[in-house]
Amino acid sequence: MSSMKDREEGFERKFALDEELRFKASARRNRALGMWAAEKLGKSGADAEAYAKQVVVADIEEAGDHDVFLKIRKDFDEAGVDQSDHQIRRTMDDLMAQAIEQIKNT
């Protein structure tokens, strides 16, 4: 009985660790995505940093990545930035992979 409880607790710890990794990677990806989008929008320096923070905050609005995508899509459309939905989503995926790798290596 004890070994079953130990396994259960192990699974719970792994789940908690995986969720923490996913949260950190998502925040890191969103910041990098914000910096990428800021460059496309012609922002630099403090303006780019402020925009990246807005992208990170946008992720809080709803579960998943859709809110972040919609913010960037809307901002690109308003500014006349020519990036397809596919390009934005591909960049999101690439930056998420990079963020996960960075976190694993720290």
PDB file of N, CA and C in Angstrom:
ATOM      1  N   MET A   1       0.825  -1.192   0.000  1.00  0.00           N
ATOM      2  CA  MET A   1       0.000   0.000   0.000  1.00  0.00           C
ATOM      3  C   MET A   1       0.869   1.256   0.000  1.00  0.00           C
ATOM      4  N   SER A   2       1.976   1.191   0.708  1.00  0.00           N
ATOM      5  CA  SER A   2       2.874   2.330   0.799  1.00  0.00           C
ATOM      6  C   SER A   2       3.493   2.658  -0.563  1.00  0.00           C
ATOM      7  N   SER A   3       3.845   1.621  -1.325  1.00  0.00           N
ATOM      8  CA  SER A   3       4.460   1.865  -2.627  1.00  0.00           C
ATOM      9  C   SER A   3       3.468   2.521  -3.597  1.00  0.00           C
ATOM     10  N   MET A   4       2.199   2.188  -3.483  1.00  0.00           N
ATOM     11  CA  MET A   4       1.183   2.808  -4.329  1.00  0.00           C
ATOM     12  C   MET A   4       1.048   4.293  -3.994  1.00  0.00           C
ATOM     13  N   LYS A   5       1.081   4.616  -2.712  1.00  0.00           N
ATOM     14  CA  LYS A   5       0.994   6.011  -2.278  1.00  0.00           C
ATOM     15  C   LYS A   5       2.249   6.778  -2.739  1.00  0.00           C
ATOM     16  N   ASP A   6       3.414   6.133  -2.664  1.00  0.00           N
ATOM     17  CA  ASP A   6       4.663   6.759  -3.114  1.00  0.00           C
ATOM     18  C   ASP A   6       4.595   7.060  -4.612  1.00  0.00           C
ATOM     19  N   ARG A   7       4.071   6.132  -5.390  1.00  0.00           N
ATOM     20  CA  ARG A   7       3.936   6.348  -6.839  1.00  0.00           C
ATOM     21  C   ARG A   7       2.990   7.498  -7.126  1.00  0.00           C
ATOM     22  N   GLU A   8       1.886   7.530  -6.404  1.00  0.00           N
ATOM     23  CA  GLU A   8       0.911   8.592  -6.594  1.00  0.00           C
ATOM     24  C   GLU A   8       1.535   9.958  -6.287  1.00  0.00           C
ATOM     25  N   GLU A   9       2.253  10.033  -5.198  1.00  0.00           N
ATOM     26  CA  GLU A   9       2.909  11.287  -4.826  1.00  0.00           C
ATOM     27  C   GLU A   9       3.981  11.666  -5.852  1.00  0.00           C
ATOM     28  N   GLY A  10       4.664  10.674  -6.387  1.00  0.00           N
ATOM     29  CA  GLY A  10       5.658  10.924  -7.429  1.00  0.00           C
ATOM     30  C   GLY A  10       5.023  11.507  -8.682  1.00  0.00           C
ATOM     31  N   PHE A  11       3.878  10.950  -9.079  1.00  0.00           N
ATOM     32  CA  PHE A  11       3.167  11.472 -10.242  1.00  0.00           C
ATOM     33  C   PHE A  11       2.692  12.907  -9.989  1.00  0.00           C
ATOM     34  N   GLU A  12       2.223  13.174  -8.785  1.00  0.00           N
ATOM     35  CA  GLU A  12       1.764  14.520  -8.446  1.00  0.00           C
ATOM     36  C   GLU A  12       2.923  15.520  -8.485  1.00  0.00           C
ATOM     37  N   ARG A  13       4.085  15.129  -7.973  1.00  0.00           N
ATOM     38  CA  ARG A  13       5.258  16.008  -8.015  1.00  0.00           C
ATOM     39  C   ARG A  13       5.684  16.272  -9.456  1.00  0.00           C
ATOM     40  N   LYS A  14       5.679  15.228 -10.278  1.00  0.00           N
ATOM     41  CA  LYS A  14       6.063  15.387 -11.682  1.00  0.00           C
ATOM     42  C   LYS A  14       5.073  16.305 -12.400  1.00  0.00           C
ATOM     43  N   PHE A  15       3.796  16.124 -12.133  1.00  0.00           N
ATOM     44  CA  PHE A  15       2.782  16.971 -12.753  1.00  0.00           C
ATOM     45  C   PHE A  15       3.005  18.434 -12.360  1.00  0.00           C
ATOM     46  N   ALA A  16       3.241  18.688 -11.078  1.00  0.00           N
ATOM     47  CA  ALA A  16       3.474  20.045 -10.598  1.00  0.00           C
ATOM     48  C   ALA A  16       4.721  20.642 -11.242  1.00  0.00           C
ATOM     49  N   LEU A  17       5.770  19.856 -11.349  1.00  0.00           N
ATOM     50  CA  LEU A  17       7.008  20.320 -11.980  1.00  0.00           C
ATOM     51  C   LEU A  17       6.794  20.613 -13.463  1.00  0.00           C
ATOM     52  N   ASP A  18       6.068  19.750 -14.153  1.00  0.00           N
ATOM     53  CA  ASP A  18       5.776  19.964 -15.576  1.00  0.00           C
ATOM     54  C   ASP A  18       4.948  21.237 -15.786  1.00  0.00           C
ATOM     55  N   GLU A  19       3.989  21.466 -14.912  1.00  0.00           N
ATOM     56  CA  GLU A  19       3.159  22.671 -15.012  1.00  0.00           C
ATOM     57  C   GLU A  19       3.986  23.926 -14.757  1.00  0.00           C
ATOM     58  N   GLU A  20       4.890  23.856 -13.803  1.00  0.00           N
ATOM     59  CA  GLU A  20       5.765  24.991 -13.529  1.00  0.00           C
ATOM     60  C   GLU A  20       6.668  25.268 -14.734  1.00  0.00           C
ATOM     61  N   LEU A  21       7.212  24.224 -15.335  1.00  0.00           N
ATOM     62  CA  LEU A  21       8.046  24.366 -16.525  1.00  0.00           C
ATOM     63  C   LEU A  21       7.240  24.984 -17.661  1.00  0.00           C
ATOM     64  N   ARG A  22       6.034  24.509 -17.856  1.00  0.00           N
ATOM     65  CA  ARG A  22       5.176  25.028 -18.926  1.00  0.00           C
ATOM     66  C   ARG A  22       4.865  26.513 -18.706  1.00  0.00           C
ATOM     67  N   PHE A  23       4.600  26.898 -17.447  1.00  0.00           N
ATOM     68  CA  PHE A  23       4.305  28.295 -17.122  1.00  0.00           C
ATOM     69  C   PHE A  23       5.521  29.177 -17.394  1.00  0.00           C
ATOM     70  N   LYS A  24       6.694  28.750 -16.918  1.00  0.00           N
ATOM     71  CA  LYS A  24       7.916  29.531 -17.124  1.00  0.00           C
ATOM     72  C   LYS A  24       8.256  29.638 -18.610  1.00  0.00           C
ATOM     73  N   ALA A  25       8.129  28.539 -19.327  1.00  0.00           N
ATOM     74  CA  ALA A  25       8.431  28.542 -20.759  1.00  0.00           C
ATOM     75  C   ALA A  25       7.459  29.445 -21.509  1.00  0.00           C
ATOM     76  N   SER A  26       6.206  29.399 -21.128  1.00  0.00           N
ATOM     77  CA  SER A  26       5.202  30.234 -21.785  1.00  0.00           C
ATOM     78  C   SER A  26       5.493  31.714 -21.555  1.00  0.00           C
ATOM     79  N   ALA A  27       5.827  32.081 -20.331  1.00  0.00           N
ATOM     80  CA  ALA A  27       6.154  33.479 -20.029  1.00  0.00           C
ATOM     81  C   ALA A  27       7.397  33.914 -20.800  1.00  0.00           C
ATOM     82  N   ARG A  28       8.397  33.060 -20.853  1.00  0.00           N
ATOM     83  CA  ARG A  28       9.632  33.371 -21.572  1.00  0.00           C
ATOM     84  C   ARG A  28       9.347  33.499 -23.072  1.00  0.00           C
ATOM     85  N   ARG A  29       8.568  32.577 -23.601  1.00  0.00           N
ATOM     86  CA  ARG A  29       8.202  32.623 -25.023  1.00  0.00           C
ATOM     87  C   ARG A  29       7.441  33.912 -25.334  1.00  0.00           C
ATOM     88  N   ASN A  30       6.491  34.269 -24.464  1.00  0.00           N
ATOM     89  CA  ASN A  30       5.683  35.456 -24.710  1.00  0.00           C
ATOM     90  C   ASN A  30       6.531  36.727 -24.707  1.00  0.00           C
ATOM     91  N   ARG A  31       7.519  36.791 -23.825  1.00  0.00           N
ATOM     92  CA  ARG A  31       8.401  37.952 -23.799  1.00  0.00           C
ATOM     93  C   ARG A  31       9.212  38.020 -25.103  1.00  0.00           C
ATOM     94  N   ALA A  32       9.765  36.885 -25.514  1.00  0.00           N
ATOM     95  CA  ALA A  32      10.534  36.850 -26.761  1.00  0.00           C
ATOM     96  C   ALA A  32       9.639  37.174 -27.957  1.00  0.00           C
ATOM     97  N   LEU A  33       8.426  36.662 -27.942  1.00  0.00           N
ATOM     98  CA  LEU A  33       7.466  36.941 -29.003  1.00  0.00           C
ATOM     99  C   LEU A  33       7.133  38.426 -29.034  1.00  0.00           C
ATOM    100  N   GLY A  34       6.971  39.020 -27.869  1.00  0.00           N
ATOM    101  CA  GLY A  34       6.707  40.453 -27.789  1.00  0.00           C
ATOM    102  C   GLY A  34       7.845  41.269 -28.363  1.00  0.00           C
ATOM    103  N   MET A  35       9.078  40.843 -28.089  1.00  0.00           N
ATOM    104  CA  MET A  35      10.245  41.547 -28.638  1.00  0.00           C
ATOM    105  C   MET A  35      10.306  41.380 -30.161  1.00  0.00           C
ATOM    106  N   TRP A  36       9.990  40.193 -30.655  1.00  0.00           N
ATOM    107  CA  TRP A  36       9.949  39.941 -32.092  1.00  0.00           C
ATOM    108  C   TRP A  36       8.887  40.829 -32.749  1.00  0.00           C
ATOM    109  N   ALA A  37       7.688  40.841 -32.156  1.00  0.00           N
ATOM    110  CA  ALA A  37       6.594  41.641 -32.713  1.00  0.00           C
ATOM    111  C   ALA A  37       6.920  43.130 -32.625  1.00  0.00           C
ATOM    112  N   ALA A  38       7.537  43.548 -31.525  1.00  0.00           N
ATOM    113  CA  ALA A  38       7.900  44.958 -31.363  1.00  0.00           C
ATOM    114  C   ALA A  38       8.833  45.401 -32.483  1.00  0.00           C
ATOM    115  N   GLU A  39       9.784  44.542 -32.835  1.00  0.00           N
ATOM    116  CA  GLU A  39      10.703  44.869 -33.928  1.00  0.00           C
ATOM    117  C   GLU A  39       9.935  45.045 -35.239  1.00  0.00           C
ATOM    118  N   LYS A  40       8.992  44.126 -35.491  1.00  0.00           N
ATOM    119  CA  LYS A  40       8.182  44.215 -36.708  1.00  0.00           C
ATOM    120  C   LYS A  40       7.340  45.488 -36.716  1.00  0.00           C
ATOM    121  N   LEU A  41       6.949  45.950 -35.529  1.00  0.00           N
ATOM    122  CA  LEU A  41       6.133  47.154 -35.390  1.00  0.00           C
ATOM    123  C   LEU A  41       6.978  48.429 -35.373  1.00  0.00           C
ATOM    124  N   GLY A  42       8.288  48.270 -35.467  1.00  0.00           N
ATOM    125  CA  GLY A  42       9.173  49.425 -35.491  1.00  0.00           C
ATOM    126  C   GLY A  42       9.496  49.998 -34.127  1.00  0.00           C
ATOM    127  N   LYS A  43       9.274  49.212 -33.077  1.00  0.00           N
ATOM    128  CA  LYS A  43       9.567  49.669 -31.720  1.00  0.00           C
ATOM    129  C   LYS A  43      10.975  49.227 -31.330  1.00  0.00           C
ATOM    130  N   SER A  44      11.597  50.018 -30.461  1.00  0.00           N
ATOM    131  CA  SER A  44      12.912  49.638 -29.955  1.00  0.00           C
ATOM    132  C   SER A  44      13.073  50.174 -28.540  1.00  0.00           C
ATOM    133  N   GLY A  45      14.115  49.704 -27.878  1.00  0.00           N
ATOM    134  CA  GLY A  45      14.437  50.183 -26.539  1.00  0.00           C
ATOM    135  C   GLY A  45      13.316  49.977 -25.544  1.00  0.00           C
ATOM    136  N   ALA A  46      13.015  51.031 -24.797  1.00  0.00           N
ATOM    137  CA  ALA A  46      11.994  50.962 -23.750  1.00  0.00           C
ATOM    138  C   ALA A  46      10.606  50.679 -24.325  1.00  0.00           C
ATOM    139  N   ASP A  47      10.327  51.193 -25.519  1.00  0.00           N
ATOM    140  CA  ASP A  47       9.032  50.927 -26.161  1.00  0.00           C
ATOM    141  C   ASP A  47       8.876  49.443 -26.476  1.00  0.00           C
ATOM    142  N   ALA A  48       9.948  48.808 -26.948  1.00  0.00           N
ATOM    143  CA  ALA A  48       9.912  47.376 -27.243  1.00  0.00           C
ATOM    144  C   ALA A  48       9.730  46.569 -25.966  1.00  0.00           C
ATOM    145  N   GLU A  49      10.434  46.945 -24.910  1.00  0.00           N
ATOM    146  CA  GLU A  49      10.296  46.258 -23.614  1.00  0.00           C
ATOM    147  C   GLU A  49       8.873  46.386 -23.090  1.00  0.00           C
ATOM    148  N   ALA A  50       8.304  47.579 -23.187  1.00  0.00           N
ATOM    149  CA  ALA A  50       6.933  47.802 -22.713  1.00  0.00           C
ATOM    150  C   ALA A  50       5.946  46.970 -23.523  1.00  0.00           C
ATOM    151  N   TYR A  51       6.168  46.894 -24.827  1.00  0.00           N
ATOM    152  CA  TYR A  51       5.283  46.087 -25.668  1.00  0.00           C
ATOM    153  C   TYR A  51       5.388  44.605 -25.305  1.00  0.00           C
ATOM    154  N   ALA A  52       6.609  44.132 -25.075  1.00  0.00           N
ATOM    155  CA  ALA A  52       6.805  42.727 -24.694  1.00  0.00           C
ATOM    156  C   ALA A  52       6.050  42.420 -23.402  1.00  0.00           C
ATOM    157  N   LYS A  53       6.058  43.354 -22.465  1.00  0.00           N
ATOM    158  CA  LYS A  53       5.304  43.159 -21.211  1.00  0.00           C
ATOM    159  C   LYS A  53       3.809  43.081 -21.487  1.00  0.00           C
ATOM    160  N   GLN A  54       3.326  43.890 -22.431  1.00  0.00           N
ATOM    161  CA  GLN A  54       1.907  43.832 -22.789  1.00  0.00           C
ATOM    162  C   GLN A  54       1.543  42.457 -23.346  1.00  0.00           C
ATOM    163  N   VAL A  55       2.428  41.872 -24.122  1.00  0.00           N
ATOM    164  CA  VAL A  55       2.176  40.545 -24.685  1.00  0.00           C
ATOM    165  C   VAL A  55       2.127  39.504 -23.572  1.00  0.00           C
ATOM    166  N   VAL A  56       3.036  39.594 -22.606  1.00  0.00           N
ATOM    167  CA  VAL A  56       3.030  38.664 -21.470  1.00  0.00           C
ATOM    168  C   VAL A  56       1.718  38.797 -20.702  1.00  0.00           C
ATOM    169  N   VAL A  57       1.282  40.019 -20.449  1.00  0.00           N
ATOM    170  CA  VAL A  57       0.034  40.250 -19.714  1.00  0.00           C
ATOM    171  C   VAL A  57      -1.166  39.750 -20.511  1.00  0.00           C
ATOM    172  N   ALA A  58      -1.114  39.850 -21.828  1.00  0.00           N
ATOM    173  CA  ALA A  58      -2.231  39.401 -22.665  1.00  0.00           C
ATOM    174  C   ALA A  58      -2.511  37.917 -22.483  1.00  0.00           C
ATOM    175  N   ASP A  59      -1.488  37.148 -22.099  1.00  0.00           N
ATOM    176  CA  ASP A  59      -1.658  35.704 -21.919  1.00  0.00           C
ATOM    177  C   ASP A  59      -2.536  35.369 -20.728  1.00  0.00           C
ATOM    178  N   ILE A  60      -2.747  36.308 -19.847  1.00  0.00           N
ATOM    179  CA  ILE A  60      -3.545  36.071 -18.638  1.00  0.00           C
ATOM    180  C   ILE A  60      -5.041  36.097 -18.936  1.00  0.00           C
ATOM    181  N   GLU A  61      -5.431  36.686 -20.048  1.00  0.00           N
ATOM    182  CA  GLU A  61      -6.834  36.898 -20.354  1.00  0.00           C
ATOM    183  C   GLU A  61      -7.639  35.616 -20.490  1.00  0.00           C
ATOM    184  N   GLU A  62      -7.078  34.587 -21.092  1.00  0.00           N
ATOM    185  CA  GLU A  62      -7.781  33.310 -21.243  1.00  0.00           C
ATOM    186  C   GLU A  62      -6.769  32.178 -21.350  1.00  0.00           C
ATOM    187  N   ALA A  63      -7.234  30.978 -21.129  1.00  0.00           N
ATOM    188  CA  ALA A  63      -6.341  29.820 -21.191  1.00  0.00           C
ATOM    189  C   ALA A  63      -5.873  29.601 -22.627  1.00  0.00           C
ATOM    190  N   GLY A  64      -4.649  29.134 -22.760  1.00  0.00           N
ATOM    191  CA  GLY A  64      -4.108  28.847 -24.084  1.00  0.00           C
ATOM    192  C   GLY A  64      -3.396  30.038 -24.683  1.00  0.00           C
ATOM    193  N   ASP A  65      -2.966  29.865 -25.923  1.00  0.00           N
ATOM    194  CA  ASP A  65      -2.161  30.868 -26.609  1.00  0.00           C
ATOM    195  C   ASP A  65      -2.973  31.807 -27.489  1.00  0.00           C
ATOM    196  N   HIS A  66      -4.255  31.564 -27.593  1.00  0.00           N
ATOM    197  CA  HIS A  66      -5.072  32.307 -28.548  1.00  0.00           C
ATOM    198  C   HIS A  66      -5.105  33.802 -28.238  1.00  0.00           C
ATOM    199  N   ASP A  67      -5.139  34.170 -26.966  1.00  0.00           N
ATOM    200  CA  ASP A  67      -5.189  35.586 -26.599  1.00  0.00           C
ATOM    201  C   ASP A  67      -3.914  36.316 -27.007  1.00  0.00           C
ATOM    202  N   VAL A  68      -2.772  35.655 -26.892  1.00  0.00           N
ATOM    203  CA  VAL A  68      -1.500  36.243 -27.302  1.00  0.00           C
ATOM    204  C   VAL A  68      -1.489  36.410 -28.826  1.00  0.00           C
ATOM    205  N   PHE A  69      -1.899  35.378 -29.519  1.00  0.00           N
ATOM    206  CA  PHE A  69      -1.973  35.450 -30.980  1.00  0.00           C
ATOM    207  C   PHE A  69      -2.884  36.595 -31.422  1.00  0.00           C
ATOM    208  N   LEU A  70      -4.067  36.706 -30.803  1.00  0.00           N
ATOM    209  CA  LEU A  70      -5.014  37.746 -31.195  1.00  0.00           C
ATOM    210  C   LEU A  70      -4.463  39.143 -30.963  1.00  0.00           C
ATOM    211  N   LYS A  71      -3.738  39.335 -29.865  1.00  0.00           N
ATOM    212  CA  LYS A  71      -3.142  40.649 -29.596  1.00  0.00           C
ATOM    213  C   LYS A  71      -2.166  41.017 -30.705  1.00  0.00           C
ATOM    214  N   ILE A  72      -1.281  40.099 -31.025  1.00  0.00           N
ATOM    215  CA  ILE A  72      -0.276  40.384 -32.048  1.00  0.00           C
ATOM    216  C   ILE A  72      -0.933  40.562 -33.415  1.00  0.00           C
ATOM    217  N   ARG A  73      -1.883  39.699 -33.741  1.00  0.00           N
ATOM    218  CA  ARG A  73      -2.598  39.817 -35.020  1.00  0.00           C
ATOM    219  C   ARG A  73      -3.254  41.191 -35.132  1.00  0.00           C
ATOM    220  N   LYS A  74      -3.948  41.618 -34.087  1.00  0.00           N
ATOM    221  CA  LYS A  74      -4.643  42.921 -34.070  1.00  0.00           C
ATOM    222  C   LYS A  74      -3.637  44.058 -34.225  1.00  0.00           C
ATOM    223  N   ASP A  75      -2.545  44.001 -33.462  1.00  0.00           N
ATOM    224  CA  ASP A  75      -1.540  45.057 -33.527  1.00  0.00           C
ATOM    225  C   ASP A  75      -0.878  45.113 -34.903  1.00  0.00           C
ATOM    226  N   PHE A  76      -0.588  43.967 -35.491  1.00  0.00           N
ATOM    227  CA  PHE A  76      -0.004  43.932 -36.832  1.00  0.00           C
ATOM    228  C   PHE A  76      -0.983  44.507 -37.857  1.00  0.00           C
ATOM    229  N   ASP A  77      -2.253  44.121 -37.746  1.00  0.00           N
ATOM    230  CA  ASP A  77      -3.252  44.626 -38.689  1.00  0.00           C
ATOM    231  C   ASP A  77      -3.379  46.144 -38.598  1.00  0.00           C
ATOM    232  N   GLU A  78      -3.429  46.665 -37.371  1.00  0.00           N
ATOM    233  CA  GLU A  78      -3.563  48.107 -37.169  1.00  0.00           C
ATOM    234  C   GLU A  78      -2.349  48.870 -37.698  1.00  0.00           C
ATOM    235  N   ALA A  79      -1.172  48.265 -37.605  1.00  0.00           N
ATOM    236  CA  ALA A  79       0.056  48.928 -38.041  1.00  0.00           C
ATOM    237  C   ALA A  79       0.409  48.621 -39.498  1.00  0.00           C
ATOM    238  N   GLY A  80      -0.358  47.755 -40.140  1.00  0.00           N
ATOM    239  CA  GLY A  80      -0.086  47.398 -41.529  1.00  0.00           C
ATOM    240  C   GLY A  80       1.128  46.492 -41.699  1.00  0.00           C
ATOM    241  N   VAL A  81       1.446  45.697 -40.662  1.00  0.00           N
ATOM    242  CA  VAL A  81       2.571  44.763 -40.739  1.00  0.00           C
ATOM    243  C   VAL A  81       2.117  43.523 -41.495  1.00  0.00           C
ATOM    244  N   ASP A  82       2.866  43.154 -42.518  1.00  0.00           N
ATOM    245  CA  ASP A  82       2.504  42.027 -43.374  1.00  0.00           C
ATOM    246  C   ASP A  82       3.094  40.726 -42.823  1.00  0.00           C
ATOM    247  N   GLN A  83       2.344  40.063 -41.955  1.00  0.00           N
ATOM    248  CA  GLN A  83       2.711  38.750 -41.418  1.00  0.00           C
ATOM    249  C   GLN A  83       1.446  37.895 -41.437  1.00  0.00           C
ATOM    250  N   SER A  84       1.548  36.715 -42.003  1.00  0.00           N
ATOM    251  CA  SER A  84       0.380  35.830 -42.048  1.00  0.00           C
ATOM    252  C   SER A  84       0.148  35.193 -40.676  1.00  0.00           C
ATOM    253  N   ASP A  85      -1.049  34.667 -40.498  1.00  0.00           N
ATOM    254  CA  ASP A  85      -1.356  33.928 -39.273  1.00  0.00           C
ATOM    255  C   ASP A  85      -0.368  32.783 -39.094  1.00  0.00           C
ATOM    256  N   HIS A  86      -0.067  32.111 -40.201  1.00  0.00           N
ATOM    257  CA  HIS A  86       0.869  30.989 -40.155  1.00  0.00           C
ATOM    258  C   HIS A  86       2.252  31.443 -39.670  1.00  0.00           C
ATOM    259  N   GLN A  87       2.730  32.582 -40.159  1.00  0.00           N
ATOM    260  CA  GLN A  87       4.044  33.082 -39.741  1.00  0.00           C
ATOM    261  C   GLN A  87       4.067  33.412 -38.247  1.00  0.00           C
ATOM    262  N   ILE A  88       2.991  34.006 -37.769  1.00  0.00           N
ATOM    263  CA  ILE A  88       2.918  34.346 -36.341  1.00  0.00           C
ATOM    264  C   ILE A  88       2.911  33.062 -35.514  1.00  0.00           C
ATOM    265  N   ARG A  89       2.065  32.114 -35.880  1.00  0.00           N
ATOM    266  CA  ARG A  89       1.975  30.855 -35.126  1.00  0.00           C
ATOM    267  C   ARG A  89       3.279  30.061 -35.198  1.00  0.00           C
ATOM    268  N   ARG A  90       3.929  30.063 -36.352  1.00  0.00           N
ATOM    269  CA  ARG A  90       5.211  29.367 -36.486  1.00  0.00           C
ATOM    270  C   ARG A  90       6.256  30.004 -35.568  1.00  0.00           C
ATOM    271  N   THR A  91       6.266  31.313 -35.521  1.00  0.00           N
ATOM    272  CA  THR A  91       7.197  32.012 -34.628  1.00  0.00           C
ATOM    273  C   THR A  91       6.877  31.689 -33.176  1.00  0.00           C
ATOM    274  N   MET A  92       5.595  31.621 -32.836  1.00  0.00           N
ATOM    275  CA  MET A  92       5.201  31.245 -31.477  1.00  0.00           C
ATOM    276  C   MET A  92       5.732  29.854 -31.133  1.00  0.00           C
ATOM    277  N   ASP A  93       5.573  28.914 -32.056  1.00  0.00           N
ATOM    278  CA  ASP A  93       6.036  27.538 -31.832  1.00  0.00           C
ATOM    279  C   ASP A  93       7.557  27.477 -31.701  1.00  0.00           C
ATOM    280  N   ASP A  94       8.253  28.184 -32.598  1.00  0.00           N
ATOM    281  CA  ASP A  94       9.716  28.186 -32.555  1.00  0.00           C
ATOM    282  C   ASP A  94      10.236  28.775 -31.248  1.00  0.00           C
ATOM    283  N   LEU A  95       9.633  29.883 -30.829  1.00  0.00           N
ATOM    284  CA  LEU A  95      10.075  30.532 -29.594  1.00  0.00           C
ATOM    285  C   LEU A  95       9.732  29.699 -28.361  1.00  0.00           C
ATOM    286  N   MET A  96       8.630  28.937 -28.425  1.00  0.00           N
ATOM    287  CA  MET A  96       8.290  28.053 -27.301  1.00  0.00           C
ATOM    288  C   MET A  96       9.324  26.949 -27.189  1.00  0.00           C
ATOM    289  N   ALA A  97       9.720  26.372 -28.297  1.00  0.00           N
ATOM    290  CA  ALA A  97      10.747  25.323 -28.273  1.00  0.00           C
ATOM    291  C   ALA A  97      12.058  25.875 -27.708  1.00  0.00           C
ATOM    292  N   GLN A  98      12.422  27.083 -28.120  1.00  0.00           N
ATOM    293  CA  GLN A  98      13.638  27.708 -27.595  1.00  0.00           C
ATOM    294  C   GLN A  98      13.529  27.967 -26.091  1.00  0.00           C
ATOM    295  N   ALA A  99      12.365  28.449 -25.653  1.00  0.00           N
ATOM    296  CA  ALA A  99      12.172  28.741 -24.234  1.00  0.00           C
ATOM    297  C   ALA A  99      12.270  27.479 -23.389  1.00  0.00           C
ATOM    298  N   ILE A 100      11.671  26.395 -23.847  1.00  0.00           N
ATOM    299  CA  ILE A 100      11.732  25.126 -23.116  1.00  0.00           C
ATOM    300  C   ILE A 100      13.179  24.665 -23.017  1.00  0.00           C
ATOM    301  N   GLU A 101      13.889  24.753 -24.121  1.00  0.00           N
ATOM    302  CA  GLU A 101      15.286  24.328 -24.133  1.00  0.00           C
ATOM    303  C   GLU A 101      16.130  25.181 -23.182  1.00  0.00           C
ATOM    304  N   GLN A 102      15.896  26.480 -23.173  1.00  0.00           N
ATOM    305  CA  GLN A 102      16.630  27.379 -22.275  1.00  0.00           C
ATOM    306  C   GLN A 102      16.370  27.036 -20.814  1.00  0.00           C
ATOM    307  N   ILE A 103      15.127  26.765 -20.483  1.00  0.00           N
ATOM    308  CA  ILE A 103      14.766  26.458 -19.097  1.00  0.00           C
ATOM    309  C   ILE A 103      15.361  25.122 -18.673  1.00  0.00           C
ATOM    310  N   LYS A 104      15.332  24.155 -19.554  1.00  0.00           N
ATOM    311  CA  LYS A 104      15.913  22.852 -19.239  1.00  0.00           C
ATOM    312  C   LYS A 104      17.412  22.945 -19.009  1.00  0.00           C
ATOM    313  N   ASN A 105      18.070  23.886 -19.679  1.00  0.00           N
ATOM    314  CA  ASN A 105      19.518  24.022 -19.569  1.00  0.00           C
ATOM    315  C   ASN A 105      19.961  24.940 -18.441  1.00  0.00           C
ATOM    316  N   THR A 106      19.021  25.445 -17.660  1.00  0.00           N
ATOM    317  CA  THR A 106      19.412  26.308 -16.534  1.00  0.00           C
ATOM    318  C   THR A 106      19.390  25.563 -15.235  1.00  0.00           C
TER     319      THR A 106
END
